[in-house]
Amino acid sequence: MIADDQGLVRVGLRKVLDIEPDMEVVGEAANGEQAVAAAERLRPDVMVMDIRMPSVDGIEATRRIVRSHPDVRVLMLTTFALDNYVYESLRAGASGFMVKDAPPEEIAAAVRIVANGEALLAPSVTRTVIEEFARHPIPPPDQTPFAVTLLTPRERDVLDLLIAGHSNPEICDRLVISDATAKTHVARILQKLNVRDRVQVVIYAYESGLVRPGPAGDREYPSS
């Protein structure tokens, strides 16, 4: 489903996505309020959501949709590559972030990624989130969050790489493990931390004080 206040953008996105053999655009919305109502009615697999819309903006619409229907994945669209809304979009529950002028094949690929339950979080976006936490530091917890204590040592290694924004292939290279093993570790981490995807892993880690940004983007680990 497509939510954007500009009719021409909706038409363009529909043409881009409808020609894909594995996709069907089931509906459109011109503002966040309509998007929330349509998500309730149509239950799309993926909502392609503009950030800046009248009535209810895309961030608030995402928050409402994800809260009521956690199985609906949201791919945020914006005119700017790294604007001030990235952080709030991800906190609201978005699973990906794309710019509107991205090539059609990249937008289609992004829809597939979030539809498959994965997250579209480029390292540059990860850095933006980390920088936001650096501006508003959270005191470290008195002890390691209980959910984290359930992780095995290897899962903690994978968690550290997820927090740094590494992809599965990069995790495989760094830990010398197979792709299947990396996917298994990631799935178990998501389950144990009770988060939806790797985007939420990053947010969980910083909001819980498990890690905190240090100088020049380095990460610091509070003592447990």
C-alpha atoms as a PDB file:
ATOM      1  CA  MET A   1       0.000   0.000   0.000  1.00  0.00           C
ATOM      2  CA  ILE A   2       1.189   3.537  -0.800  1.00  0.00           C
ATOM      3  CA  ALA A   3       0.704   6.573   1.455  1.00  0.00           C
ATOM      4  CA  ASP A   4       1.805   9.952   0.072  1.00  0.00           C
ATOM      5  CA  ASP A   5       0.086  13.332  -0.080  1.00  0.00           C
ATOM      6  CA  GLN A   6       1.268  13.950  -3.669  1.00  0.00           C
ATOM      7  CA  GLY A   7      -0.876  12.291  -6.301  1.00  0.00           C
ATOM      8  CA  LEU A   8       1.910  12.190  -8.858  1.00  0.00           C
ATOM      9  CA  VAL A   9       4.177  10.369  -6.417  1.00  0.00           C
ATOM     10  CA  ARG A  10       1.491   7.783  -5.690  1.00  0.00           C
ATOM     11  CA  VAL A  11       0.941   7.227  -9.424  1.00  0.00           C
ATOM     12  CA  GLY A  12       4.665   6.862 -10.009  1.00  0.00           C
ATOM     13  CA  LEU A  13       5.153   4.428  -7.148  1.00  0.00           C
ATOM     14  CA  ARG A  14       2.152   2.386  -8.241  1.00  0.00           C
ATOM     15  CA  LYS A  15       3.616   2.050 -11.739  1.00  0.00           C
ATOM     16  CA  VAL A  16       7.001   1.052 -10.329  1.00  0.00           C
ATOM     17  CA  LEU A  17       5.578  -1.597  -8.010  1.00  0.00           C
ATOM     18  CA  ASP A  18       2.628  -2.932  -9.998  1.00  0.00           C
ATOM     19  CA  ILE A  19       4.874  -4.102 -12.832  1.00  0.00           C
ATOM     20  CA  GLU A  20       6.773  -6.352 -10.438  1.00  0.00           C
ATOM     21  CA  PRO A  21       5.470  -9.927 -10.836  1.00  0.00           C
ATOM     22  CA  ASP A  22       5.518 -10.602  -7.091  1.00  0.00           C
ATOM     23  CA  MET A  23       3.796  -7.381  -6.001  1.00  0.00           C
ATOM     24  CA  GLU A  24       0.316  -5.899  -6.023  1.00  0.00           C
ATOM     25  CA  VAL A  25      -0.605  -2.394  -4.885  1.00  0.00           C
ATOM     26  CA  VAL A  26      -3.813  -2.890  -2.905  1.00  0.00           C
ATOM     27  CA  GLY A  27      -4.544   0.726  -2.008  1.00  0.00           C
ATOM     28  CA  GLU A  28      -3.450   4.339  -1.621  1.00  0.00           C
ATOM     29  CA  ALA A  29      -3.749   7.056   1.025  1.00  0.00           C
ATOM     30  CA  ALA A  30      -3.228  10.814   0.783  1.00  0.00           C
ATOM     31  CA  ASN A  31      -2.447  11.415   4.468  1.00  0.00           C
ATOM     32  CA  GLY A  32      -1.546   9.576   7.650  1.00  0.00           C
ATOM     33  CA  GLU A  33      -5.103   9.334   8.908  1.00  0.00           C
ATOM     34  CA  GLN A  34      -6.194   7.624   5.711  1.00  0.00           C
ATOM     35  CA  ALA A  35      -3.139   5.354   5.896  1.00  0.00           C
ATOM     36  CA  VAL A  36      -4.047   4.138   9.375  1.00  0.00           C
ATOM     37  CA  ALA A  37      -7.655   3.465   8.350  1.00  0.00           C
ATOM     38  CA  ALA A  38      -6.581   1.697   5.153  1.00  0.00           C
ATOM     39  CA  ALA A  39      -4.056  -0.458   7.002  1.00  0.00           C
ATOM     40  CA  GLU A  40      -6.854  -1.555   9.327  1.00  0.00           C
ATOM     41  CA  ARG A  41      -9.097  -2.390   6.386  1.00  0.00           C
ATOM     42  CA  LEU A  42      -6.627  -3.865   3.887  1.00  0.00           C
ATOM     43  CA  ARG A  43      -3.862  -5.314   6.122  1.00  0.00           C
ATOM     44  CA  PRO A  44      -1.085  -4.876   3.519  1.00  0.00           C
ATOM     45  CA  ASP A  45       2.179  -6.754   3.877  1.00  0.00           C
ATOM     46  CA  VAL A  46       4.116  -3.522   3.332  1.00  0.00           C
ATOM     47  CA  MET A  47       3.147   0.127   3.692  1.00  0.00           C
ATOM     48  CA  VAL A  48       5.264   2.541   1.631  1.00  0.00           C
ATOM     49  CA  MET A  49       4.905   5.661   3.775  1.00  0.00           C
ATOM     50  CA  ASP A  50       5.792   9.278   3.109  1.00  0.00           C
ATOM     51  CA  ILE A  51       7.016  11.138   6.188  1.00  0.00           C
ATOM     52  CA  ARG A  52       5.606  14.607   5.596  1.00  0.00           C
ATOM     53  CA  MET A  53       1.839  14.440   5.164  1.00  0.00           C
ATOM     54  CA  PRO A  54      -1.091  16.574   6.364  1.00  0.00           C
ATOM     55  CA  SER A  55      -3.566  15.602   9.076  1.00  0.00           C
ATOM     56  CA  VAL A  56      -1.395  12.878  10.590  1.00  0.00           C
ATOM     57  CA  ASP A  57       2.228  12.629   9.496  1.00  0.00           C
ATOM     58  CA  GLY A  58       3.922   9.421   8.425  1.00  0.00           C
ATOM     59  CA  ILE A  59       5.768   8.943  11.709  1.00  0.00           C
ATOM     60  CA  GLU A  60       2.623   9.038  13.839  1.00  0.00           C
ATOM     61  CA  ALA A  61       0.774   6.908  11.284  1.00  0.00           C
ATOM     62  CA  THR A  62       3.573   4.342  11.441  1.00  0.00           C
ATOM     63  CA  ARG A  63       3.454   4.312  15.218  1.00  0.00           C
ATOM     64  CA  ARG A  64      -0.288   3.629  15.206  1.00  0.00           C
ATOM     65  CA  ILE A  65      -0.124   0.982  12.488  1.00  0.00           C
ATOM     66  CA  VAL A  66       2.766  -0.952  14.031  1.00  0.00           C
ATOM     67  CA  ARG A  67       1.159  -0.828  17.466  1.00  0.00           C
ATOM     68  CA  SER A  68      -2.141  -2.245  16.175  1.00  0.00           C
ATOM     69  CA  HIS A  69      -0.771  -4.521  13.451  1.00  0.00           C
ATOM     70  CA  PRO A  70       2.854  -5.512  14.114  1.00  0.00           C
ATOM     71  CA  ASP A  71       2.797  -7.791  11.065  1.00  0.00           C
ATOM     72  CA  VAL A  72       2.490  -4.769   8.730  1.00  0.00           C
ATOM     73  CA  ARG A  73       5.951  -3.636   7.675  1.00  0.00           C
ATOM     74  CA  VAL A  74       6.559   0.055   6.973  1.00  0.00           C
ATOM     75  CA  LEU A  75       9.044   1.434   4.446  1.00  0.00           C
ATOM     76  CA  MET A  76       9.500   5.171   4.952  1.00  0.00           C
ATOM     77  CA  LEU A  77      10.045   7.524   1.998  1.00  0.00           C
ATOM     78  CA  THR A  78      11.462  11.020   2.147  1.00  0.00           C
ATOM     79  CA  THR A  79      12.822  13.692  -0.162  1.00  0.00           C
ATOM     80  CA  PHE A  80      15.999  13.946   1.883  1.00  0.00           C
ATOM     81  CA  ALA A  81      18.558  11.169   2.348  1.00  0.00           C
ATOM     82  CA  LEU A  82      19.351  11.848   5.993  1.00  0.00           C
ATOM     83  CA  ASP A  83      16.964  14.378   7.474  1.00  0.00           C
ATOM     84  CA  ASN A  84      15.925  14.886  11.072  1.00  0.00           C
ATOM     85  CA  TYR A  85      13.095  12.380  10.760  1.00  0.00           C
ATOM     86  CA  VAL A  86      15.214   9.239  10.364  1.00  0.00           C
ATOM     87  CA  TYR A  87      15.587   8.656  14.086  1.00  0.00           C
ATOM     88  CA  GLU A  88      11.913   9.169  14.927  1.00  0.00           C
ATOM     89  CA  SER A  89      10.806   7.047  11.956  1.00  0.00           C
ATOM     90  CA  LEU A  90      12.834   4.099  13.173  1.00  0.00           C
ATOM     91  CA  ARG A  91      11.682   4.547  16.754  1.00  0.00           C
ATOM     92  CA  ALA A  92       8.093   4.553  15.521  1.00  0.00           C
ATOM     93  CA  GLY A  93       8.634   1.053  14.146  1.00  0.00           C
ATOM     94  CA  ALA A  94       9.615   1.571  10.508  1.00  0.00           C
ATOM     95  CA  SER A  95      11.608  -1.292   9.013  1.00  0.00           C
ATOM     96  CA  GLY A  96      13.326   0.694   6.287  1.00  0.00           C
ATOM     97  CA  PHE A  97      14.146   4.133   4.979  1.00  0.00           C
ATOM     98  CA  MET A  98      14.405   5.173   1.313  1.00  0.00           C
ATOM     99  CA  VAL A  99      14.642   8.427  -0.625  1.00  0.00           C
ATOM    100  CA  LYS A 100      12.010   9.157  -3.268  1.00  0.00           C
ATOM    101  CA  ASP A 101      14.494   9.701  -6.069  1.00  0.00           C
ATOM    102  CA  ALA A 102      16.027   6.243  -5.657  1.00  0.00           C
ATOM    103  CA  PRO A 103      16.029   4.137  -8.856  1.00  0.00           C
ATOM    104  CA  PRO A 104      12.821   2.109  -9.342  1.00  0.00           C
ATOM    105  CA  GLU A 105      14.652  -1.188  -8.963  1.00  0.00           C
ATOM    106  CA  GLU A 106      16.034  -0.086  -5.585  1.00  0.00           C
ATOM    107  CA  ILE A 107      12.585   0.850  -4.306  1.00  0.00           C
ATOM    108  CA  ALA A 108      11.189  -2.503  -5.433  1.00  0.00           C
ATOM    109  CA  ALA A 109      14.122  -4.291  -3.815  1.00  0.00           C
ATOM    110  CA  ALA A 110      13.535  -2.349  -0.584  1.00  0.00           C
ATOM    111  CA  VAL A 111       9.890  -3.465  -0.520  1.00  0.00           C
ATOM    112  CA  ARG A 112      11.005  -7.096  -0.885  1.00  0.00           C
ATOM    113  CA  ILE A 113      13.535  -6.733   1.924  1.00  0.00           C
ATOM    114  CA  VAL A 114      11.052  -5.444   4.474  1.00  0.00           C
ATOM    115  CA  ALA A 115       8.343  -7.847   3.247  1.00  0.00           C
ATOM    116  CA  ASN A 116      10.701 -10.718   4.026  1.00  0.00           C
ATOM    117  CA  GLY A 117      10.913  -9.580   7.628  1.00  0.00           C
ATOM    118  CA  GLU A 118      14.318  -7.955   7.293  1.00  0.00           C
ATOM    119  CA  ALA A 119      15.296  -4.342   7.773  1.00  0.00           C
ATOM    120  CA  LEU A 120      16.715  -1.828   5.360  1.00  0.00           C
ATOM    121  CA  LEU A 121      19.256   0.009   7.471  1.00  0.00           C
ATOM    122  CA  ALA A 122      22.303   1.313   5.673  1.00  0.00           C
ATOM    123  CA  PRO A 123      25.418   2.053   7.750  1.00  0.00           C
ATOM    124  CA  SER A 124      24.911   5.785   7.117  1.00  0.00           C
ATOM    125  CA  VAL A 125      21.439   5.577   8.667  1.00  0.00           C
ATOM    126  CA  THR A 126      22.841   3.616  11.603  1.00  0.00           C
ATOM    127  CA  ARG A 127      25.347   6.405  12.182  1.00  0.00           C
ATOM    128  CA  THR A 128      22.548   8.968  12.140  1.00  0.00           C
ATOM    129  CA  VAL A 129      20.688   7.040  14.850  1.00  0.00           C
ATOM    130  CA  ILE A 130      23.853   6.707  16.927  1.00  0.00           C
ATOM    131  CA  GLU A 131      24.580  10.429  16.596  1.00  0.00           C
ATOM    132  CA  GLU A 132      21.085  11.179  17.862  1.00  0.00           C
ATOM    133  CA  PHE A 133      21.706   9.046  20.947  1.00  0.00           C
ATOM    134  CA  ALA A 134      25.046  10.821  21.420  1.00  0.00           C
ATOM    135  CA  ARG A 135      23.184  14.127  21.649  1.00  0.00           C
ATOM    136  CA  HIS A 136      20.826  12.703  24.280  1.00  0.00           C
ATOM    137  CA  PRO A 137      22.905  10.171  26.224  1.00  0.00           C
ATOM    138  CA  ILE A 138      21.148   7.628  28.406  1.00  0.00           C
ATOM    139  CA  PRO A 139      22.808   6.653  31.716  1.00  0.00           C
ATOM    140  CA  PRO A 140      24.129   3.084  31.686  1.00  0.00           C
ATOM    141  CA  PRO A 141      21.998   0.553  33.559  1.00  0.00           C
ATOM    142  CA  ASP A 142      23.057  -0.753  36.965  1.00  0.00           C
ATOM    143  CA  GLN A 143      23.234  -4.201  35.436  1.00  0.00           C
ATOM    144  CA  THR A 144      22.954  -5.878  32.042  1.00  0.00           C
ATOM    145  CA  PRO A 145      19.308  -6.070  30.886  1.00  0.00           C
ATOM    146  CA  PHE A 146      17.890  -9.525  31.668  1.00  0.00           C
ATOM    147  CA  ALA A 147      17.061 -10.274  28.027  1.00  0.00           C
ATOM    148  CA  VAL A 148      20.713  -9.770  27.104  1.00  0.00           C
ATOM    149  CA  THR A 149      21.835 -12.291  29.730  1.00  0.00           C
ATOM    150  CA  LEU A 150      19.892 -14.919  27.779  1.00  0.00           C
ATOM    151  CA  LEU A 151      22.218 -14.507  24.791  1.00  0.00           C
ATOM    152  CA  THR A 152      25.049 -16.946  24.249  1.00  0.00           C
ATOM    153  CA  PRO A 153      28.615 -15.599  23.887  1.00  0.00           C
ATOM    154  CA  ARG A 154      28.407 -16.060  20.115  1.00  0.00           C
ATOM    155  CA  GLU A 155      25.053 -14.275  19.999  1.00  0.00           C
ATOM    156  CA  ARG A 156      26.636 -11.386  21.891  1.00  0.00           C
ATOM    157  CA  ASP A 157      29.333 -11.248  19.199  1.00  0.00           C
ATOM    158  CA  VAL A 158      26.634 -11.082  16.532  1.00  0.00           C
ATOM    159  CA  LEU A 159      24.701  -8.489  18.550  1.00  0.00           C
ATOM    160  CA  ASP A 160      27.765  -6.230  18.678  1.00  0.00           C
ATOM    161  CA  LEU A 161      28.054  -6.376  14.888  1.00  0.00           C
ATOM    162  CA  LEU A 162      24.325  -5.746  14.427  1.00  0.00           C
ATOM    163  CA  ILE A 163      24.582  -2.656  16.605  1.00  0.00           C
ATOM    164  CA  ALA A 164      27.420  -1.421  14.412  1.00  0.00           C
ATOM    165  CA  GLY A 165      25.176  -1.772  11.353  1.00  0.00           C
ATOM    166  CA  HIS A 166      26.909  -4.739   9.713  1.00  0.00           C
ATOM    167  CA  SER A 167      25.062  -6.849   7.156  1.00  0.00           C
ATOM    168  CA  ASN A 168      24.813 -10.638   7.356  1.00  0.00           C
ATOM    169  CA  PRO A 169      27.621 -11.152   4.798  1.00  0.00           C
ATOM    170  CA  GLU A 170      29.863  -8.854   6.842  1.00  0.00           C
ATOM    171  CA  ILE A 171      28.985 -10.764  10.007  1.00  0.00           C
ATOM    172  CA  CYS A 172      29.888 -14.006   8.236  1.00  0.00           C
ATOM    173  CA  ASP A 173      33.259 -12.604   7.192  1.00  0.00           C
ATOM    174  CA  ARG A 174      34.136 -11.222  10.599  1.00  0.00           C
ATOM    175  CA  LEU A 175      33.073 -14.287  12.602  1.00  0.00           C
ATOM    176  CA  VAL A 176      33.944 -16.872   9.937  1.00  0.00           C
ATOM    177  CA  ILE A 177      30.499 -18.457   9.980  1.00  0.00           C
ATOM    178  CA  SER A 178      28.063 -19.517   7.262  1.00  0.00           C
ATOM    179  CA  ASP A 179      25.141 -17.411   6.061  1.00  0.00           C
ATOM    180  CA  ALA A 180      22.679 -19.907   7.534  1.00  0.00           C
ATOM    181  CA  THR A 181      24.409 -19.727  10.913  1.00  0.00           C
ATOM    182  CA  ALA A 182      24.380 -15.923  10.856  1.00  0.00           C
ATOM    183  CA  LYS A 183      20.657 -15.885  10.060  1.00  0.00           C
ATOM    184  CA  THR A 184      19.981 -18.325  12.899  1.00  0.00           C
ATOM    185  CA  HIS A 185      21.897 -16.181  15.382  1.00  0.00           C
ATOM    186  CA  VAL A 186      20.084 -13.025  14.251  1.00  0.00           C
ATOM    187  CA  ALA A 187      16.685 -14.726  14.519  1.00  0.00           C
ATOM    188  CA  ARG A 188      17.444 -15.936  18.055  1.00  0.00           C
ATOM    189  CA  ILE A 189      18.651 -12.486  19.097  1.00  0.00           C
ATOM    190  CA  LEU A 190      15.432 -10.896  17.827  1.00  0.00           C
ATOM    191  CA  GLN A 191      13.390 -13.490  19.696  1.00  0.00           C
ATOM    192  CA  LYS A 192      15.269 -13.159  22.983  1.00  0.00           C
ATOM    193  CA  LEU A 193      15.248  -9.353  22.926  1.00  0.00           C
ATOM    194  CA  ASN A 194      11.602  -9.345  21.780  1.00  0.00           C
ATOM    195  CA  VAL A 195      12.229  -6.944  18.901  1.00  0.00           C
ATOM    196  CA  ARG A 196      10.968  -7.056  15.318  1.00  0.00           C
ATOM    197  CA  ASP A 197      14.098  -6.553  13.256  1.00  0.00           C
ATOM    198  CA  ARG A 198      17.721  -5.407  13.253  1.00  0.00           C
ATOM    199  CA  VAL A 199      16.693  -1.738  13.235  1.00  0.00           C
ATOM    200  CA  GLN A 200      14.939  -2.253  16.538  1.00  0.00           C
ATOM    201  CA  VAL A 201      17.997  -4.133  17.842  1.00  0.00           C
ATOM    202  CA  VAL A 202      20.069  -0.975  17.421  1.00  0.00           C
ATOM    203  CA  ILE A 203      17.463   1.160  19.148  1.00  0.00           C
ATOM    204  CA  TYR A 204      17.043  -1.386  21.966  1.00  0.00           C
ATOM    205  CA  ALA A 205      20.786  -1.457  22.603  1.00  0.00           C
ATOM    206  CA  TYR A 206      21.121   2.300  22.924  1.00  0.00           C
ATOM    207  CA  GLU A 207      17.856   3.010  24.739  1.00  0.00           C
ATOM    208  CA  SER A 208      18.582   0.297  27.291  1.00  0.00           C
ATOM    209  CA  GLY A 209      22.046   1.732  27.871  1.00  0.00           C
ATOM    210  CA  LEU A 210      23.601  -1.572  26.793  1.00  0.00           C
ATOM    211  CA  VAL A 211      25.998   0.457  24.654  1.00  0.00           C
ATOM    212  CA  ARG A 212      26.542   4.156  24.311  1.00  0.00           C
ATOM    213  CA  PRO A 213      28.231   6.195  21.590  1.00  0.00           C
ATOM    214  CA  GLY A 214      31.747   7.349  22.308  1.00  0.00           C
ATOM    215  CA  PRO A 215      34.103   9.814  20.590  1.00  0.00           C
ATOM    216  CA  ALA A 216      34.183   9.763  16.803  1.00  0.00           C
ATOM    217  CA  GLY A 217      31.432   7.195  16.588  1.00  0.00           C
ATOM    218  CA  ASP A 218      33.176   4.596  18.779  1.00  0.00           C
ATOM    219  CA  ARG A 219      30.975   2.481  20.974  1.00  0.00           C
ATOM    220  CA  GLU A 220      31.453   2.149  24.719  1.00  0.00           C
ATOM    221  CA  TYR A 221      30.145  -0.797  26.712  1.00  0.00           C
ATOM    222  CA  PRO A 222      29.040  -0.010  30.265  1.00  0.00           C
ATOM    223  CA  SER A 223      30.300  -2.431  32.861  1.00  0.00           C
ATOM    224  CA  SER A 224      27.596  -4.812  34.037  1.00  0.00           C
END
